Amino acid sequence: MKKTLLLLFFTWFCSGLYAQQTKTVTGNVFVLNNLPVSGITVSAKNSKAVVATDSLGNFTIVCLKKDKLRFKAKSFNTAHLRVNEKTKDTVSVKLNFVNTEKNVDIAIGYGYISEKDRTQAIEHISRGQNYCSYLSIYDLIHERFNGVRITNNGCIIVRGINTLYGSPCATYVVNGQMMDDISFISPCDIKEISLLKDGSAAAIYGSRSANGVFIINLKDGH
């Protein structure tokens, strides 16, 4: 009987001690412009706890009061958060998306980003790049975007899109203005370039853009 009581006391004591040493952290994981990311693996180095973010990017994990959280998923740079006595009970973590068109498909395929958020994800592809190594804007587009074909007259055809509006050429939007010709643009002058090729392209830019839209923003002064 005494051994049983001692065992119960020891178990209760250890449980209370462990509770004093642990910390419950809740939070939200997002990417790009506050886009929630689901299915991200959140792990605590010391407590060994592992959870995943829900469809709204939320998570709750029990770690030690001094611990290190890791946020990991394909197509995103791994992020870390140190936990100590100054860490708030609720945190917000932004992941850096590895900006390639292929990684958008990976993120959607794994369920990190929903299909309905594809447009927002695509819009952030190719930001912060240096394009001076390309001979022309057509050379840049051909190398950077899979599934495009460029004709001799500068028409860019996006594979997988069947035109219903005559010309099969994609539409160009430069600094917010629709243009028929982009041959004059030097790759060095480009700040960012992205491709929209889902149904939202036509919704935003009209039926003319149903064959895909290349959105090009130039550096200041160009």
Protein backbone atom coordinates (compact mmCIF):
# COMPACT_ATOMS: atom_id res chain seq x y z
CA MET A 1 0.00 0.00 0.00
CA LYS A 2 2.81 2.38 0.94
CA LYS A 3 4.62 1.61 -2.32
CA THR A 4 1.44 2.38 -4.24
CA LEU A 5 0.98 5.71 -2.46
CA LEU A 6 4.63 6.62 -3.03
CA LEU A 7 4.30 5.76 -6.72
CA LEU A 8 1.16 7.88 -7.04
CA PHE A 9 2.83 10.76 -5.22
CA PHE A 10 5.93 10.51 -7.42
CA THR A 11 3.79 10.46 -10.57
CA TRP A 12 1.80 13.48 -9.38
CA PHE A 13 4.98 15.34 -8.42
CA CYS A 14 6.67 14.69 -11.78
CA SER A 15 3.52 15.71 -13.65
CA GLY A 16 3.36 18.98 -11.75
CA LEU A 17 7.07 19.60 -12.29
CA TYR A 18 6.75 18.92 -16.02
CA ALA A 19 3.76 21.26 -16.26
CA GLN A 20 5.82 24.03 -14.67
CA GLN A 21 8.60 23.49 -17.22
CA THR A 22 6.39 23.44 -20.30
CA LYS A 23 4.82 26.20 -22.34
CA THR A 24 1.86 26.04 -24.70
CA VAL A 25 2.40 28.14 -27.79
CA THR A 26 -0.39 28.87 -30.25
CA GLY A 27 0.09 30.75 -33.45
CA ASN A 28 -0.52 31.32 -37.12
CA VAL A 29 1.74 30.58 -40.10
CA PHE A 30 1.38 32.65 -43.27
CA VAL A 31 3.18 33.40 -46.49
CA LEU A 32 3.20 36.24 -49.05
CA ASN A 33 0.49 38.81 -48.19
CA ASN A 34 -0.99 37.15 -45.09
CA LEU A 35 -1.92 34.00 -47.03
CA PRO A 36 -2.47 31.18 -44.46
CA VAL A 37 -0.43 28.02 -44.96
CA SER A 38 -1.89 24.64 -43.96
CA GLY A 39 -0.09 21.36 -43.35
CA ILE A 40 3.17 22.99 -42.25
CA THR A 41 5.11 20.75 -39.86
CA VAL A 42 5.82 22.49 -36.56
CA SER A 43 8.26 20.67 -34.28
CA ALA A 44 9.83 21.49 -30.91
CA LYS A 45 13.50 20.57 -30.60
CA ASN A 46 13.59 19.83 -26.85
CA SER A 47 10.09 18.56 -26.05
CA LYS A 48 10.03 16.54 -29.32
CA ALA A 49 6.40 17.56 -29.92
CA VAL A 50 5.24 17.68 -33.55
CA VAL A 51 2.03 19.22 -34.92
CA ALA A 52 0.75 20.55 -38.25
CA THR A 53 -1.00 23.80 -39.11
CA ASP A 54 -4.71 23.59 -39.93
CA SER A 55 -6.50 24.95 -42.99
CA LEU A 56 -6.30 28.47 -41.56
CA GLY A 57 -2.60 28.22 -40.77
CA ASN A 58 -3.20 27.86 -37.01
CA PHE A 59 -1.31 25.57 -34.65
CA THR A 60 -0.93 24.75 -30.95
CA ILE A 61 2.14 23.02 -29.59
CA VAL A 62 3.39 22.13 -26.09
CA CYS A 63 7.11 22.75 -25.78
CA LEU A 64 9.56 23.45 -22.99
CA LYS A 65 9.91 26.95 -21.60
CA LYS A 66 13.30 27.07 -23.29
CA ASP A 67 12.91 25.44 -26.67
CA LYS A 68 13.22 25.98 -30.39
CA LEU A 69 10.36 25.58 -32.86
CA ARG A 70 10.97 24.61 -36.48
CA PHE A 71 8.53 25.28 -39.33
CA LYS A 72 9.20 23.12 -42.37
CA ALA A 73 7.52 22.32 -45.69
CA LYS A 74 8.48 21.75 -49.31
CA SER A 75 8.86 24.91 -51.44
CA PHE A 76 9.36 27.11 -48.35
CA ASN A 77 12.53 28.08 -46.54
CA THR A 78 12.60 26.46 -43.10
CA ALA A 79 11.92 28.96 -40.30
CA HIS A 80 12.89 28.79 -36.63
CA LEU A 81 11.53 30.44 -33.49
CA ARG A 82 13.32 30.43 -30.14
CA VAL A 83 11.04 29.98 -27.14
CA ASN A 84 11.95 31.50 -23.78
CA GLU A 85 10.36 33.39 -20.91
CA LYS A 86 9.85 36.43 -23.17
CA THR A 87 8.01 34.52 -25.91
CA LYS A 88 4.33 35.41 -26.14
CA ASP A 89 1.74 32.66 -25.82
CA THR A 90 0.46 33.56 -29.31
CA VAL A 91 2.90 34.08 -32.17
CA SER A 92 2.74 34.82 -35.88
CA VAL A 93 5.29 33.28 -38.23
CA LYS A 94 5.90 34.28 -41.84
CA LEU A 95 7.51 31.72 -44.13
CA ASN A 96 9.60 32.73 -47.11
CA PHE A 97 8.28 31.13 -50.27
CA VAL A 98 10.92 29.85 -52.70
CA ASN A 99 9.76 31.78 -55.75
CA THR A 100 9.55 29.45 -58.72
CA GLU A 101 6.58 28.46 -60.83
CA LYS A 102 7.26 24.80 -60.04
CA ASN A 103 7.08 25.51 -56.32
CA VAL A 104 3.62 27.02 -56.70
CA ASP A 105 2.44 23.69 -58.11
CA ILE A 106 4.25 21.83 -55.29
CA ALA A 107 2.66 24.04 -52.63
CA ILE A 108 -0.80 23.49 -54.10
CA GLY A 109 -0.21 19.75 -54.61
CA TYR A 110 0.74 19.27 -50.97
CA GLY A 111 -2.19 21.37 -49.81
CA TYR A 112 -0.07 24.13 -48.30
CA ILE A 113 -1.81 26.70 -50.52
CA SER A 114 -5.33 26.17 -51.81
CA GLU A 115 -6.16 26.17 -55.50
CA LYS A 116 -8.24 29.32 -55.05
CA ASP A 117 -5.13 31.15 -53.81
CA ARG A 118 -3.09 30.18 -56.88
CA THR A 119 -3.40 33.68 -58.35
CA GLN A 120 -1.92 35.37 -55.31
CA ALA A 121 0.91 32.84 -55.22
CA ILE A 122 1.68 33.18 -58.94
CA GLU A 123 1.74 36.96 -58.66
CA HIS A 124 4.76 36.73 -56.37
CA ILE A 125 6.91 34.60 -58.65
CA SER A 126 10.18 36.12 -59.86
CA ARG A 127 10.28 39.08 -57.51
CA GLY A 128 13.68 40.45 -56.58
CA GLN A 129 15.51 38.74 -59.47
CA ASN A 130 18.26 40.13 -61.69
CA TYR A 131 17.47 39.49 -65.35
CA CYS A 132 20.45 41.19 -67.03
CA SER A 133 21.93 37.85 -68.10
CA TYR A 134 19.13 37.36 -70.65
CA LEU A 135 19.57 38.55 -74.24
CA SER A 136 15.96 39.69 -74.64
CA ILE A 137 12.66 39.66 -72.81
CA TYR A 138 11.55 36.75 -74.98
CA ASP A 139 14.66 34.80 -73.99
CA LEU A 140 13.83 35.53 -70.34
CA ILE A 141 10.24 34.34 -70.66
CA HIS A 142 11.21 31.21 -72.55
CA GLU A 143 13.78 30.23 -69.89
CA ARG A 144 11.85 31.22 -66.77
CA PHE A 145 8.34 29.98 -67.57
CA ASN A 146 7.66 26.37 -68.45
CA GLY A 147 5.16 25.50 -71.17
CA VAL A 148 5.41 28.63 -73.33
CA ARG A 149 6.12 28.89 -77.05
CA ILE A 150 7.26 32.05 -78.79
CA THR A 151 6.55 32.54 -82.48
CA ASN A 152 8.67 34.53 -84.92
CA ASN A 153 6.41 37.57 -84.63
CA GLY A 154 6.73 37.73 -80.83
CA CYS A 155 3.46 35.97 -80.00
CA ILE A 156 3.76 34.05 -76.73
CA ILE A 157 1.54 30.98 -76.54
CA VAL A 158 0.96 29.42 -73.13
CA ARG A 159 0.63 25.65 -73.30
CA GLY A 160 -2.60 24.18 -71.97
CA ILE A 161 -4.78 27.17 -72.86
CA ASN A 162 -7.18 26.79 -75.78
CA THR A 163 -8.08 30.14 -77.23
CA LEU A 164 -11.70 31.08 -77.78
CA TYR A 165 -11.01 34.64 -78.86
CA GLY A 166 -9.14 34.48 -82.15
CA SER A 167 -5.48 35.19 -81.44
CA PRO A 168 -3.72 32.56 -79.31
CA CYS A 169 -1.24 35.09 -77.93
CA ALA A 170 -0.92 35.92 -74.27
CA THR A 171 -1.65 39.45 -73.07
CA TYR A 172 1.01 41.81 -71.69
CA VAL A 173 0.40 44.22 -68.84
CA VAL A 174 3.33 46.57 -68.26
CA ASN A 175 3.20 48.84 -65.22
CA GLY A 176 -0.56 48.37 -65.14
CA GLN A 177 -1.10 49.15 -68.84
CA MET A 178 -2.07 46.61 -71.50
CA MET A 179 0.40 46.48 -74.40
CA ASP A 180 0.57 44.63 -77.70
CA ASP A 181 4.37 44.69 -77.96
CA ILE A 182 7.06 44.14 -75.30
CA SER A 183 10.10 43.70 -77.55
CA PHE A 184 11.38 47.14 -76.53
CA ILE A 185 11.77 46.12 -72.88
CA SER A 186 15.30 45.36 -71.70
CA PRO A 187 15.55 42.47 -69.20
CA CYS A 188 17.73 44.70 -66.97
CA ASP A 189 14.83 47.14 -66.59
CA ILE A 190 12.44 44.51 -65.21
CA LYS A 191 11.67 44.62 -61.51
CA GLU A 192 9.32 41.62 -61.50
CA ILE A 193 7.49 39.46 -63.98
CA SER A 194 4.73 36.92 -63.42
CA LEU A 195 2.24 34.84 -65.36
CA LEU A 196 -1.47 34.47 -64.67
CA LYS A 197 -3.06 31.60 -66.50
CA ASP A 198 -6.14 30.62 -64.54
CA GLY A 199 -9.72 31.83 -64.90
CA SER A 200 -9.07 34.89 -62.77
CA ALA A 201 -6.91 36.39 -65.55
CA ALA A 202 -9.97 36.94 -67.73
CA ALA A 203 -11.97 38.16 -64.75
CA ILE A 204 -9.37 40.84 -64.02
CA TYR A 205 -8.26 41.87 -67.51
CA GLY A 206 -11.20 40.85 -69.71
CA SER A 207 -11.80 38.15 -72.31
CA ARG A 208 -8.77 39.28 -74.30
CA SER A 209 -6.54 37.91 -71.53
CA ALA A 210 -8.05 34.42 -71.50
CA ASN A 211 -4.84 33.10 -73.13
CA GLY A 212 -2.74 34.09 -70.15
CA VAL A 213 -1.38 37.39 -68.87
CA PHE A 214 2.27 38.34 -68.38
CA ILE A 215 2.39 41.02 -65.72
CA ILE A 216 5.59 43.05 -65.97
CA ASN A 217 6.62 45.79 -63.56
CA LEU A 218 9.62 47.89 -64.51
CA LYS A 219 12.14 49.46 -62.19
CA ASP A 220 11.61 53.10 -61.21
CA GLY A 221 12.50 55.47 -64.04
CA HIS A 222 11.63 53.04 -66.85
